[in-house]
Amino acid sequence: MKYRNYNTRTEALRQLKELGECILLFPYNEGAFQQESTSIKAASIRQGMKVELKSALLVVEGELPQRVLRVKKVA
């Protein structure tokens, strides 16, 4: 099963700013993690916040593992 984001990067970051300290985002472009990281950092700067990005592995029983980006708000 392939997971995907239903919100844009900007909307996801807006929700992060309002609701919490960390979110998981599935890559919008498969295999382009560096490009994704750069795009998310640029969107966060436009939102007026700093974020820290880390690659994470999501493992669901009976499915193939998937890489996700953990986006964490930095004070």
Protein backbone atom coordinates (compact mmCIF):
# COMPACT_ATOMS: atom_id res chain seq x y z
CA MET A 1 0.00 0.00 0.00
CA LYS A 2 1.33 3.42 -0.93
CA TYR A 3 0.62 6.27 1.44
CA ARG A 4 0.43 9.86 0.26
CA ASN A 5 -0.15 13.36 1.53
CA TYR A 6 -3.46 15.01 0.84
CA ASN A 7 -2.26 18.47 1.86
CA THR A 8 0.27 20.63 0.09
CA ARG A 9 3.62 21.24 1.77
CA THR A 10 2.53 24.74 2.77
CA GLU A 11 -0.74 23.51 4.30
CA ALA A 12 1.04 20.71 6.19
CA LEU A 13 3.52 23.22 7.63
CA ARG A 14 0.70 25.60 8.53
CA GLN A 15 -0.95 22.80 10.51
CA LEU A 16 2.36 21.96 12.18
CA LYS A 17 2.76 25.61 13.20
CA GLU A 18 -0.73 25.67 14.75
CA LEU A 19 -1.14 22.19 16.21
CA GLY A 20 2.04 20.47 17.21
CA GLU A 21 5.76 20.03 17.28
CA CYS A 22 6.32 17.19 14.80
CA ILE A 23 4.67 15.67 11.70
CA LEU A 24 5.49 12.85 9.29
CA LEU A 25 5.30 13.59 5.57
CA PHE A 26 5.44 11.05 2.81
CA PRO A 27 7.61 12.21 -0.09
CA TYR A 28 5.73 14.09 -2.78
CA ASN A 29 8.38 12.97 -5.29
CA GLU A 30 9.50 9.36 -4.76
CA GLY A 31 13.27 9.02 -4.49
CA ALA A 32 13.97 12.76 -4.40
CA PHE A 33 14.54 13.23 -0.66
CA GLN A 34 17.12 16.00 -1.06
CA GLN A 35 14.79 17.97 -3.32
CA GLU A 36 11.92 17.34 -0.89
CA SER A 37 14.00 18.54 2.06
CA THR A 38 14.99 21.73 0.27
CA SER A 39 11.40 22.43 -0.77
CA ILE A 40 10.02 21.84 2.75
CA LYS A 41 12.69 24.05 4.32
CA ALA A 42 11.91 26.84 1.85
CA ALA A 43 8.17 26.53 2.57
CA SER A 44 8.83 26.66 6.33
CA ILE A 45 10.89 29.84 5.96
CA ARG A 46 7.98 31.42 4.05
CA GLN A 47 5.75 30.40 7.01
CA GLY A 48 8.16 32.14 9.39
CA MET A 49 9.42 29.07 11.24
CA LYS A 50 12.48 26.85 11.40
CA VAL A 51 12.24 23.09 11.01
CA GLU A 52 14.52 20.11 11.40
CA LEU A 53 14.14 17.27 8.89
CA LYS A 54 15.07 13.64 9.37
CA SER A 55 14.44 10.60 7.24
CA ALA A 56 12.44 7.89 9.02
CA LEU A 57 11.30 4.41 8.10
CA LEU A 58 7.64 3.53 8.57
CA VAL A 59 7.05 -0.19 9.09
CA VAL A 60 3.52 -1.58 8.99
CA GLU A 61 3.02 -5.30 9.61
CA GLY A 62 2.47 -7.16 6.35
CA GLU A 63 3.53 -4.22 4.14
CA LEU A 64 6.77 -3.00 2.65
CA PRO A 65 8.61 -0.36 4.73
CA GLN A 66 8.35 3.21 3.44
CA ARG A 67 10.62 6.18 3.96
CA VAL A 68 9.02 9.31 5.36
CA LEU A 69 10.27 12.73 6.39
CA ARG A 70 9.93 13.72 10.03
CA VAL A 71 9.43 17.48 10.20
CA LYS A 72 10.06 18.92 13.65
CA LYS A 73 9.53 22.52 14.72
CA VAL A 74 12.66 24.17 16.11
CA ALA A 75 12.21 26.98 18.64
